[in-house]
């Protein structure tokens, strides 16, 4: 959804259901964060799924004093057949 239209209805979404409203907002932010140099590659891969709402963007942060110490987590990359 274009920012101009989204801005006009986000207040209603936030008031009705904060989780739903934030999901849409995070998705818009993730799409806007894609560097212009990668847009051509993203258009054929994950970008259509993000725009359609099938996939969504996330916000990853840590708040050590609030009990979410992400430094304790471990992750690894696993190669899959998905190509972008």
N, C-alpha and C. Protein backbone atom coordinates (compact mmCIF):
# COMPACT_ATOMS: atom_id res chain seq x y z
N UNK A 1 0.85 -1.17 0.00
CA UNK A 1 0.00 0.00 0.00
C UNK A 1 0.90 1.23 0.00
N UNK A 2 0.62 2.22 -0.82
CA UNK A 2 1.43 3.44 -0.84
C UNK A 2 1.41 4.14 0.52
N UNK A 3 2.53 4.79 0.86
CA UNK A 3 2.64 5.46 2.16
C UNK A 3 1.52 6.49 2.37
N UNK A 4 1.17 7.22 1.36
CA UNK A 4 0.15 8.25 1.53
C UNK A 4 -1.18 7.65 1.97
N UNK A 5 -1.58 6.57 1.34
CA UNK A 5 -2.82 5.91 1.72
C UNK A 5 -2.68 5.22 3.08
N UNK A 6 -1.55 4.55 3.29
CA UNK A 6 -1.35 3.83 4.55
C UNK A 6 -1.37 4.77 5.75
N UNK A 7 -0.79 5.95 5.60
CA UNK A 7 -0.75 6.90 6.70
C UNK A 7 -2.15 7.32 7.12
N UNK A 8 -3.04 7.41 6.19
CA UNK A 8 -4.40 7.87 6.52
C UNK A 8 -5.20 6.81 7.29
N UNK A 9 -4.87 5.55 7.11
CA UNK A 9 -5.65 4.51 7.79
C UNK A 9 -4.90 3.85 8.94
N UNK A 10 -3.60 4.11 9.09
CA UNK A 10 -2.84 3.47 10.16
C UNK A 10 -3.35 3.82 11.55
N UNK A 11 -3.82 5.00 11.74
CA UNK A 11 -4.37 5.38 13.05
C UNK A 11 -5.54 4.48 13.43
N UNK A 12 -6.39 4.19 12.46
CA UNK A 12 -7.53 3.30 12.73
C UNK A 12 -7.05 1.88 13.01
N UNK A 13 -6.06 1.40 12.23
CA UNK A 13 -5.55 0.05 12.45
C UNK A 13 -4.90 -0.05 13.83
N UNK A 14 -4.12 0.96 14.20
CA UNK A 14 -3.45 0.94 15.51
C UNK A 14 -4.47 0.95 16.64
N UNK A 15 -5.51 1.72 16.50
CA UNK A 15 -6.53 1.79 17.54
C UNK A 15 -7.33 0.50 17.64
N UNK A 16 -7.58 -0.14 16.51
CA UNK A 16 -8.38 -1.36 16.50
C UNK A 16 -7.58 -2.57 16.97
N UNK A 17 -6.33 -2.69 16.52
CA UNK A 17 -5.52 -3.86 16.86
C UNK A 17 -4.05 -3.49 16.67
N UNK A 18 -3.38 -3.22 17.77
CA UNK A 18 -1.99 -2.75 17.72
C UNK A 18 -1.08 -3.77 17.02
N UNK A 19 -1.24 -5.06 17.27
CA UNK A 19 -0.42 -6.08 16.64
C UNK A 19 -0.58 -6.09 15.13
N UNK A 20 -1.80 -6.01 14.67
CA UNK A 20 -2.06 -5.98 13.23
C UNK A 20 -1.45 -4.73 12.61
N UNK A 21 -1.65 -3.61 13.24
CA UNK A 21 -1.11 -2.35 12.71
C UNK A 21 0.40 -2.34 12.66
N UNK A 22 1.06 -2.88 13.70
CA UNK A 22 2.52 -2.90 13.70
C UNK A 22 3.07 -3.87 12.66
N UNK A 23 2.37 -4.97 12.43
CA UNK A 23 2.81 -5.91 11.40
C UNK A 23 2.87 -5.25 10.04
N UNK A 24 1.87 -4.48 9.72
CA UNK A 24 1.85 -3.77 8.44
C UNK A 24 2.93 -2.70 8.38
N UNK A 25 3.13 -2.00 9.49
CA UNK A 25 4.12 -0.93 9.52
C UNK A 25 5.53 -1.51 9.39
N UNK A 26 5.81 -2.62 10.08
CA UNK A 26 7.13 -3.23 9.98
C UNK A 26 7.41 -3.74 8.57
N UNK A 27 6.37 -4.22 7.92
CA UNK A 27 6.53 -4.71 6.56
C UNK A 27 6.89 -3.55 5.61
N UNK A 28 6.21 -2.43 5.78
CA UNK A 28 6.53 -1.27 4.94
C UNK A 28 7.97 -0.82 5.17
N UNK A 29 8.39 -0.80 6.43
CA UNK A 29 9.75 -0.40 6.75
C UNK A 29 10.79 -1.34 6.15
N UNK A 30 10.50 -2.64 6.21
CA UNK A 30 11.43 -3.63 5.64
C UNK A 30 11.54 -3.47 4.13
N UNK A 31 10.43 -3.22 3.47
CA UNK A 31 10.46 -3.01 2.02
C UNK A 31 11.25 -1.75 1.68
N UNK A 32 11.02 -0.68 2.42
CA UNK A 32 11.74 0.57 2.16
C UNK A 32 13.23 0.46 2.48
N UNK A 33 13.62 -0.51 3.32
CA UNK A 33 15.03 -0.66 3.70
C UNK A 33 15.84 -1.40 2.64
N UNK A 34 15.19 -1.97 1.64
CA UNK A 34 15.92 -2.68 0.58
C UNK A 34 16.71 -1.64 -0.23
N UNK A 35 18.02 -1.81 -0.30
CA UNK A 35 18.83 -0.84 -1.05
C UNK A 35 18.44 -0.82 -2.53
N UNK A 36 18.46 0.34 -3.16
CA UNK A 36 18.10 0.42 -4.58
C UNK A 36 18.90 -0.53 -5.46
N UNK A 37 20.15 -0.80 -5.08
CA UNK A 37 20.98 -1.69 -5.89
C UNK A 37 20.48 -3.13 -5.86
N UNK A 38 19.67 -3.49 -4.87
CA UNK A 38 19.14 -4.85 -4.77
C UNK A 38 17.69 -4.97 -5.20
N UNK A 39 17.05 -3.87 -5.55
CA UNK A 39 15.63 -3.92 -5.91
C UNK A 39 15.35 -4.84 -7.09
N UNK A 40 16.18 -4.83 -8.09
CA UNK A 40 15.93 -5.68 -9.27
C UNK A 40 15.94 -7.15 -8.87
N UNK A 41 16.87 -7.56 -8.01
CA UNK A 41 16.91 -8.95 -7.55
C UNK A 41 15.73 -9.27 -6.65
N UNK A 42 15.34 -8.32 -5.80
CA UNK A 42 14.24 -8.55 -4.86
C UNK A 42 12.90 -8.66 -5.57
N UNK A 43 12.73 -7.96 -6.68
CA UNK A 43 11.45 -7.98 -7.40
C UNK A 43 11.10 -9.36 -7.90
N UNK A 44 12.08 -10.18 -8.20
CA UNK A 44 11.82 -11.52 -8.69
C UNK A 44 11.76 -12.56 -7.58
N UNK A 45 12.05 -12.18 -6.35
CA UNK A 45 12.11 -13.14 -5.25
C UNK A 45 11.13 -12.84 -4.14
N UNK A 46 11.63 -12.26 -3.07
CA UNK A 46 10.81 -12.09 -1.87
C UNK A 46 9.94 -10.83 -1.86
N UNK A 47 10.26 -9.84 -2.66
CA UNK A 47 9.50 -8.59 -2.64
C UNK A 47 8.02 -8.77 -2.98
N UNK A 48 7.64 -9.52 -4.01
CA UNK A 48 6.21 -9.72 -4.28
C UNK A 48 5.47 -10.37 -3.11
N UNK A 49 6.14 -11.29 -2.42
CA UNK A 49 5.50 -11.94 -1.28
C UNK A 49 5.34 -10.98 -0.11
N UNK A 50 6.28 -10.06 0.04
CA UNK A 50 6.16 -9.07 1.11
C UNK A 50 5.05 -8.07 0.78
N UNK A 51 4.97 -7.66 -0.47
CA UNK A 51 3.95 -6.69 -0.87
C UNK A 51 2.56 -7.30 -0.77
N UNK A 52 2.43 -8.58 -1.11
CA UNK A 52 1.12 -9.24 -1.05
C UNK A 52 0.69 -9.55 0.38
N UNK A 53 1.63 -9.53 1.31
CA UNK A 53 1.30 -9.86 2.70
C UNK A 53 1.54 -11.32 3.04
N UNK A 54 1.99 -12.11 2.07
CA UNK A 54 2.28 -13.52 2.34
C UNK A 54 3.46 -13.64 3.31
N UNK A 55 4.47 -12.80 3.13
CA UNK A 55 5.60 -12.70 4.04
C UNK A 55 5.55 -11.32 4.67
N UNK A 56 6.21 -11.15 5.79
CA UNK A 56 6.23 -9.85 6.44
C UNK A 56 7.62 -9.52 6.96
N UNK A 57 7.87 -8.26 7.18
CA UNK A 57 9.13 -7.81 7.75
C UNK A 57 9.08 -7.94 9.27
N UNK A 58 10.24 -7.87 9.88
CA UNK A 58 10.31 -7.97 11.33
C UNK A 58 11.19 -6.87 11.90
N UNK A 59 11.10 -6.71 13.19
CA UNK A 59 11.99 -5.80 13.90
C UNK A 59 12.72 -6.64 14.93
N UNK A 60 14.04 -6.67 14.84
CA UNK A 60 14.85 -7.47 15.76
C UNK A 60 15.66 -6.53 16.64
N UNK A 61 15.44 -6.63 17.93
CA UNK A 61 16.16 -5.79 18.86
C UNK A 61 16.35 -6.53 20.17
N UNK A 62 17.16 -5.99 21.04
CA UNK A 62 17.38 -6.60 22.34
C UNK A 62 17.24 -5.55 23.43
N UNK A 63 16.72 -5.98 24.54
CA UNK A 63 16.58 -5.13 25.72
C UNK A 63 17.08 -5.93 26.92
N UNK A 64 18.40 -5.90 27.19
CA UNK A 64 18.97 -6.74 28.24
C UNK A 64 18.30 -6.55 29.60
N UNK A 65 17.89 -5.34 29.91
CA UNK A 65 17.27 -5.10 31.22
C UNK A 65 15.82 -5.57 31.28
N UNK A 66 15.25 -5.97 30.13
CA UNK A 66 13.85 -6.42 30.10
C UNK A 66 13.75 -7.93 29.94
N UNK A 67 14.87 -8.64 30.08
CA UNK A 67 14.81 -10.09 30.03
C UNK A 67 14.93 -10.69 28.64
N UNK A 68 15.26 -9.91 27.64
CA UNK A 68 15.40 -10.46 26.29
C UNK A 68 16.85 -10.29 25.84
N UNK A 69 17.75 -11.04 26.43
CA UNK A 69 19.17 -10.94 26.14
C UNK A 69 19.51 -11.76 24.90
N UNK A 70 19.49 -11.13 23.74
CA UNK A 70 19.73 -11.84 22.49
C UNK A 70 21.17 -12.32 22.34
N UNK A 71 22.08 -11.82 23.18
CA UNK A 71 23.46 -12.28 23.11
C UNK A 71 23.56 -13.75 23.51
N UNK A 72 22.56 -14.25 24.22
CA UNK A 72 22.55 -15.65 24.65
C UNK A 72 22.11 -16.60 23.53
N UNK A 73 21.51 -16.08 22.46
CA UNK A 73 21.02 -16.92 21.38
C UNK A 73 22.13 -17.23 20.39
N UNK A 74 22.02 -18.38 19.78
CA UNK A 74 22.96 -18.79 18.74
C UNK A 74 22.15 -19.07 17.47
N UNK A 75 22.70 -18.72 16.32
CA UNK A 75 22.04 -18.99 15.05
C UNK A 75 23.08 -19.38 14.02
N UNK A 76 22.63 -20.01 12.95
CA UNK A 76 23.54 -20.36 11.88
C UNK A 76 22.76 -20.32 10.56
N UNK A 77 23.46 -20.09 9.49
CA UNK A 77 22.85 -20.06 8.16
C UNK A 77 22.87 -21.46 7.57
N UNK A 78 21.76 -21.84 6.96
CA UNK A 78 21.66 -23.13 6.29
C UNK A 78 21.26 -22.88 4.85
N UNK A 79 22.06 -23.37 3.93
CA UNK A 79 21.79 -23.16 2.51
C UNK A 79 20.55 -23.96 2.09
N UNK A 80 19.62 -23.30 1.39
CA UNK A 80 18.41 -23.95 0.90
C UNK A 80 18.32 -23.79 -0.60
N UNK A 81 17.29 -24.38 -1.17
CA UNK A 81 17.13 -24.31 -2.63
C UNK A 81 16.48 -23.01 -3.09
N UNK A 82 16.04 -22.16 -2.19
CA UNK A 82 15.38 -20.90 -2.55
C UNK A 82 16.42 -19.95 -3.14
N UNK A 83 16.13 -19.38 -4.29
CA UNK A 83 17.02 -18.41 -4.91
C UNK A 83 16.30 -17.08 -5.04
N UNK A 84 17.06 -16.04 -4.93
CA UNK A 84 16.49 -14.70 -5.01
C UNK A 84 16.95 -14.05 -6.29
